[in-house]
Amino acid sequence: MLLAACSAGSPGRSDAARTPTADERALTRAATDSAELAAVYDAVLTAHPGLAARLTPLRDAVLRHAEAFGEHAGAKASPSSSPSRSSSPSGVPAGQPAAAPSPSGPAVPDDETEALGSLADAERELSARRTRELSGLGGGTARLLASVAAAGAVHAYLLKNG
């Protein structure tokens, strides 16, 4: 009589028990970072609605980055929980600032120029961190992360000089 059994390393093992790869962890972290950056944009837009024409295209790009990272990480989030072109992490339609910042949300300077500067700093810091994380990643993941890091550097420039 022949008996068959599944071991921990067999193909029958569930995906939930599988340890994510370095690329998957990097992409998941990048998706979260982009969603958090979009929340900073939302806070600035709430505090300074007059900046909407300038900030909305950049915020929308950040949301698309979060979505792309999530898709490449293999995230199967529900439409209501994943950032998209049409909504922010808080469910606010693209181009519309949130009604009010959350008490635990990012602090926004009262001065528009300072608010833009703090947003530029956040973009620059995230871009630099993403660039540092490139080594050790697969080619496709590294290219995606590098591309979005470059976009973040451009956003920082536009926010400061714009």
Protein backbone atom coordinates (compact mmCIF):
# COMPACT_ATOMS: atom_id res chain seq x y z
CA MET A 1 0.00 0.00 0.00
CA LEU A 2 1.29 3.46 -0.95
CA LEU A 3 0.50 6.46 1.26
CA ALA A 4 0.76 10.07 0.15
CA ALA A 5 1.16 13.01 2.48
CA CYS A 6 1.83 16.71 2.16
CA SER A 7 4.93 18.07 3.77
CA ALA A 8 5.59 21.70 4.63
CA GLY A 9 7.48 22.16 1.36
CA SER A 10 5.03 20.42 -0.92
CA PRO A 11 2.98 22.11 -3.64
CA GLY A 12 -0.20 21.57 -1.60
CA ARG A 13 0.93 24.18 0.92
CA SER A 14 -1.33 27.26 1.09
CA ASP A 15 -0.19 30.71 -0.04
CA ALA A 16 -1.13 32.10 3.38
CA ALA A 17 1.63 30.03 5.00
CA ARG A 18 4.21 31.00 2.38
CA THR A 19 6.86 33.53 3.37
CA PRO A 20 6.78 36.55 1.04
CA THR A 21 9.84 37.08 -1.13
CA ALA A 22 12.06 40.14 -0.75
CA ASP A 23 10.44 41.60 -3.86
CA GLU A 24 6.93 41.04 -2.50
CA ARG A 25 7.86 42.63 0.82
CA ALA A 26 9.43 45.62 -0.96
CA LEU A 27 6.37 46.08 -3.19
CA THR A 28 3.95 45.78 -0.29
CA ARG A 29 5.96 48.32 1.71
CA ALA A 30 6.09 50.64 -1.34
CA ALA A 31 2.30 50.39 -1.77
CA THR A 32 1.80 51.29 1.89
CA ASP A 33 4.30 54.16 1.66
CA SER A 34 2.52 55.56 -1.40
CA ALA A 35 -0.88 55.32 0.30
CA GLU A 36 0.54 57.14 3.32
CA LEU A 37 2.03 59.81 1.06
CA ALA A 38 -1.38 60.26 -0.58
CA ALA A 39 -2.78 60.86 2.91
CA VAL A 40 -0.22 63.65 3.36
CA TYR A 41 -1.41 65.17 0.07
CA ASP A 42 -5.00 64.89 1.34
CA ALA A 43 -4.08 66.68 4.57
CA VAL A 44 -2.37 69.52 2.66
CA LEU A 45 -5.36 69.78 0.29
CA THR A 46 -7.72 69.95 3.26
CA ALA A 47 -5.68 72.67 4.93
CA HIS A 48 -5.02 74.57 1.69
CA PRO A 49 -7.83 73.95 -0.84
CA GLY A 50 -6.42 76.69 -3.06
CA LEU A 51 -3.56 74.32 -3.97
CA ALA A 52 -5.91 71.73 -5.52
CA ALA A 53 -5.05 72.52 -9.16
CA ARG A 54 -1.34 72.18 -8.40
CA LEU A 55 -1.46 69.15 -6.09
CA THR A 56 -4.24 66.96 -7.46
CA PRO A 57 -2.27 65.62 -10.47
CA LEU A 58 0.66 64.72 -8.20
CA ARG A 59 -1.62 63.11 -5.61
CA ASP A 60 -3.36 61.11 -8.32
CA ALA A 61 0.02 59.87 -9.59
CA VAL A 62 0.94 58.78 -6.05
CA LEU A 63 -2.32 56.81 -5.86
CA ARG A 64 -1.54 55.13 -9.19
CA HIS A 65 1.90 54.20 -7.83
CA ALA A 66 0.30 52.57 -4.78
CA GLU A 67 -2.03 50.64 -7.04
CA ALA A 68 0.80 49.49 -9.32
CA PHE A 69 2.89 48.33 -6.38
CA GLY A 70 -0.06 46.41 -4.98
CA GLU A 71 -0.75 44.73 -8.32
CA HIS A 72 2.89 43.72 -8.78
CA ALA A 73 3.08 42.43 -5.21
CA GLY A 74 0.19 40.14 -6.02
CA ALA A 75 -2.10 41.89 -3.56
CA LYS A 76 -5.68 40.85 -4.07
CA ALA A 77 -7.29 43.65 -2.09
CA SER A 78 -10.95 44.46 -2.48
CA PRO A 79 -11.75 47.51 -4.63
CA SER A 80 -12.87 49.44 -1.57
CA SER A 81 -9.59 48.90 0.26
CA SER A 82 -7.13 49.55 -2.53
CA PRO A 83 -6.14 53.01 -3.71
CA SER A 84 -7.21 53.83 -7.22
CA ARG A 85 -7.39 56.68 -9.67
CA SER A 86 -10.90 57.45 -8.50
CA SER A 87 -10.44 57.41 -4.75
CA SER A 88 -7.98 58.12 -2.00
CA PRO A 89 -7.11 55.72 0.83
CA SER A 90 -9.96 57.35 2.76
CA GLY A 91 -12.43 56.84 -0.11
CA VAL A 92 -12.47 60.50 -1.15
CA PRO A 93 -12.80 60.92 -4.94
CA ALA A 94 -9.63 61.90 -6.77
CA GLY A 95 -9.27 65.65 -6.98
CA GLN A 96 -11.33 66.20 -3.84
CA PRO A 97 -9.65 66.94 -0.53
CA ALA A 98 -10.82 65.02 2.51
CA ALA A 99 -13.54 66.76 4.53
CA ALA A 100 -11.37 67.12 7.61
CA PRO A 101 -7.94 65.85 8.63
CA SER A 102 -8.01 62.99 11.09
CA PRO A 103 -6.72 63.77 14.58
CA SER A 104 -3.84 61.36 14.02
CA GLY A 105 -3.18 62.61 10.47
CA PRO A 106 -0.09 64.47 9.40
CA ALA A 107 0.39 68.00 10.69
CA VAL A 108 0.25 70.62 7.96
CA PRO A 109 1.90 74.04 8.24
CA ASP A 110 -0.50 77.00 8.09
CA ASP A 111 1.63 78.72 5.45
CA GLU A 112 1.10 77.36 1.89
CA THR A 113 4.78 77.66 0.97
CA GLU A 114 5.79 75.75 4.10
CA ALA A 115 3.11 73.13 3.42
CA LEU A 116 4.45 72.64 -0.11
CA GLY A 117 7.97 72.42 1.31
CA SER A 118 6.98 69.74 3.81
CA LEU A 119 5.25 67.79 1.05
CA ALA A 120 8.35 68.14 -1.15
CA ASP A 121 10.48 66.87 1.74
CA ALA A 122 8.20 63.83 2.15
CA GLU A 123 8.46 63.06 -1.58
CA ARG A 124 12.26 63.50 -1.54
CA GLU A 125 12.75 61.30 1.54
CA LEU A 126 10.58 58.52 0.12
CA SER A 127 12.35 58.73 -3.23
CA ALA A 128 15.75 58.43 -1.54
CA ARG A 129 14.62 55.48 0.60
CA ARG A 130 13.25 53.67 -2.45
CA THR A 131 16.53 54.21 -4.30
CA ARG A 132 18.50 52.77 -1.36
CA GLU A 133 16.26 49.67 -1.36
CA LEU A 134 17.00 48.72 -4.99
CA SER A 135 19.93 46.42 -4.33
CA GLY A 136 18.94 42.83 -3.80
CA LEU A 137 15.67 43.11 -5.71
CA GLY A 138 14.77 41.39 -8.95
CA GLY A 139 15.06 43.32 -12.19
CA GLY A 140 11.35 44.03 -12.68
CA THR A 141 10.81 45.10 -9.08
CA ALA A 142 13.95 47.25 -9.11
CA ARG A 143 12.87 48.95 -12.35
CA LEU A 144 9.40 49.71 -10.98
CA LEU A 145 10.77 51.02 -7.68
CA ALA A 146 13.42 53.10 -9.48
CA SER A 147 10.84 54.56 -11.85
CA VAL A 148 8.57 55.62 -9.02
CA ALA A 149 11.56 56.95 -7.05
CA ALA A 150 12.41 59.12 -10.06
CA ALA A 151 8.80 60.31 -10.26
CA GLY A 152 8.97 61.22 -6.57
CA ALA A 153 12.11 63.27 -7.17
CA VAL A 154 10.31 65.11 -9.97
CA HIS A 155 7.32 65.71 -7.69
CA ALA A 156 9.66 67.16 -5.05
CA TYR A 157 11.18 69.48 -7.65
CA LEU A 158 7.76 70.62 -8.89
CA LEU A 159 6.52 71.22 -5.36
CA LYS A 160 9.55 73.37 -4.53
CA ASN A 161 9.94 75.17 -7.86
CA GLY A 162 6.65 74.96 -9.36
